[in-house]
Amino acid sequence: CSSKFAIVDEIDPYTIDKVRFWFETVNAPTTDYLVDDFYVELAKPAKSGILVPAEGVEDCWDEGAEILITSHTASPDDKQVRRLVHPPVPVGNGMVRLELDEYIVFP
C-alpha cells in the first residue's frame, strides 16, 4: 500500500525535531511490517521570519522595507525579494526578528 500522512495544522511542524512512526494492526498481534522506500518530506517551506543581528537593521529598516535574499546558485533568477511586515522585533542577545510577507524558499 502507499499513502501520504500529514501533520495537523494545530501542530507547528517547524518545532518538530524528531518524527516517530509506529504501525498498529487491530486484532493481529503477529503482523510483520516490511517498509521499503520510505520517504519523508517537509510539506511547507521555512517560516516567514528570520533572526538577524540588530546592528545596522534595528534603526534603519521599517515596515515595508524590501529585503533581497541572494541565491545559493550563480543565477540571478534564483534570488528572492521579500518585504517586512512590521519593524524589526528585538529578541535579545543583540538579535532582531524580521517578519517577512512571504516564506523564504530554501534549496
Protein backbone atom coordinates (compact mmCIF):
# COMPACT_ATOMS: atom_id res chain seq x y z
CA CYS A 1 0.00 0.00 0.00
CA SER A 2 1.01 3.61 -0.35
CA SER A 3 -0.21 6.66 1.48
CA LYS A 4 0.55 10.25 2.44
CA PHE A 5 0.42 11.37 6.05
CA ALA A 6 0.14 14.99 7.16
CA ILE A 7 0.72 16.74 10.46
CA VAL A 8 -2.45 18.54 11.50
CA ASP A 9 -2.50 22.33 11.30
CA GLU A 10 -2.71 22.69 15.11
CA ILE A 11 0.88 21.44 15.38
CA ASP A 12 3.72 23.69 14.27
CA PRO A 13 5.84 21.41 12.05
CA TYR A 14 8.83 23.74 12.40
CA THR A 15 9.22 22.94 16.09
CA ILE A 16 9.43 19.20 15.49
CA ASP A 17 12.95 17.83 15.63
CA LYS A 18 12.06 14.13 15.64
CA VAL A 19 9.44 12.13 13.81
CA ARG A 20 8.48 8.71 15.08
CA PHE A 21 6.34 6.29 13.10
CA TRP A 22 4.63 3.24 14.50
CA PHE A 23 2.31 0.77 12.89
CA GLU A 24 -0.60 -0.86 14.63
CA THR A 25 -2.96 -3.51 13.37
CA VAL A 26 -6.08 -4.28 15.38
CA ASN A 27 -6.51 -7.96 16.32
CA ALA A 28 -3.33 -9.05 14.53
CA PRO A 29 -0.50 -9.08 17.12
CA THR A 30 1.83 -11.19 14.97
CA THR A 31 1.75 -8.96 11.92
CA ASP A 32 5.16 -8.13 10.44
CA TYR A 33 5.76 -4.96 8.50
CA LEU A 34 8.09 -4.63 5.57
CA VAL A 35 8.84 -0.99 4.95
CA ASP A 36 10.55 -0.27 1.66
CA ASP A 37 11.37 3.04 0.01
CA PHE A 38 10.34 5.18 2.96
CA TYR A 39 10.49 8.92 2.20
CA VAL A 40 9.72 11.93 4.42
CA GLU A 41 9.38 15.45 3.08
CA LEU A 42 8.51 18.76 4.71
CA ALA A 43 5.29 19.92 3.06
CA LYS A 44 5.79 23.63 3.75
CA PRO A 45 8.77 25.92 3.22
CA ALA A 46 10.53 27.61 6.12
CA LYS A 47 8.74 30.16 8.23
CA SER A 48 8.47 33.73 7.08
CA GLY A 49 10.52 35.12 9.96
CA ILE A 50 14.28 35.23 10.34
CA LEU A 51 16.70 36.31 13.08
CA VAL A 52 19.49 38.71 12.19
CA PRO A 53 21.96 40.86 14.17
CA ALA A 54 20.26 44.08 15.30
CA GLU A 55 23.23 46.28 14.43
CA GLY A 56 22.50 48.22 11.25
CA VAL A 57 18.96 46.84 10.99
CA GLU A 58 17.02 47.87 14.06
CA ASP A 59 17.12 51.63 13.44
CA CYS A 60 17.27 51.55 9.63
CA TRP A 61 14.58 49.18 8.41
CA ASP A 62 10.87 49.67 8.92
CA GLU A 63 7.59 48.13 7.79
CA GLY A 64 7.55 47.67 4.01
CA ALA A 65 11.34 47.61 3.64
CA GLU A 66 12.35 45.38 0.75
CA ILE A 67 14.80 42.57 1.52
CA LEU A 68 16.80 40.88 -1.24
CA ILE A 69 17.76 37.28 -0.46
CA THR A 70 20.57 36.18 -2.72
CA SER A 71 20.64 32.72 -4.23
CA HIS A 72 22.74 29.69 -3.41
CA THR A 73 23.36 29.43 -7.18
CA ALA A 74 25.17 31.70 -9.62
CA SER A 75 21.90 32.58 -11.38
CA PRO A 76 20.34 35.96 -10.55
CA ASP A 77 16.96 34.42 -11.42
CA ASP A 78 17.10 32.41 -8.16
CA LYS A 79 17.00 35.48 -5.93
CA GLN A 80 14.04 36.14 -3.64
CA VAL A 81 12.57 39.52 -2.69
CA ARG A 82 10.50 39.90 0.49
CA ARG A 83 9.07 42.86 2.42
CA LEU A 84 8.98 43.45 6.16
CA VAL A 85 5.51 43.05 7.65
CA HIS A 86 6.40 45.30 10.61
CA PRO A 87 9.54 46.91 12.08
CA PRO A 88 12.25 44.53 13.38
CA VAL A 89 11.37 43.00 16.77
CA PRO A 90 14.18 42.79 19.36
CA VAL A 91 14.53 39.23 20.72
CA GLY A 92 17.59 39.71 22.95
CA ASN A 93 21.29 38.92 22.64
CA GLY A 94 21.71 41.67 20.04
CA MET A 95 19.32 39.98 17.59
CA VAL A 96 16.05 41.07 15.95
CA ARG A 97 13.33 39.06 14.24
CA LEU A 98 12.28 40.10 10.75
CA GLU A 99 8.76 39.01 9.85
CA LEU A 100 8.51 38.77 6.07
CA ASP A 101 5.48 38.92 3.79
CA GLU A 102 6.24 35.52 2.22
CA TYR A 103 8.11 32.35 3.06
CA ILE A 104 11.77 32.02 2.18
CA VAL A 105 12.15 29.06 -0.16
CA PHE A 106 15.22 27.01 0.71
CA PRO A 107 17.06 24.91 -1.87
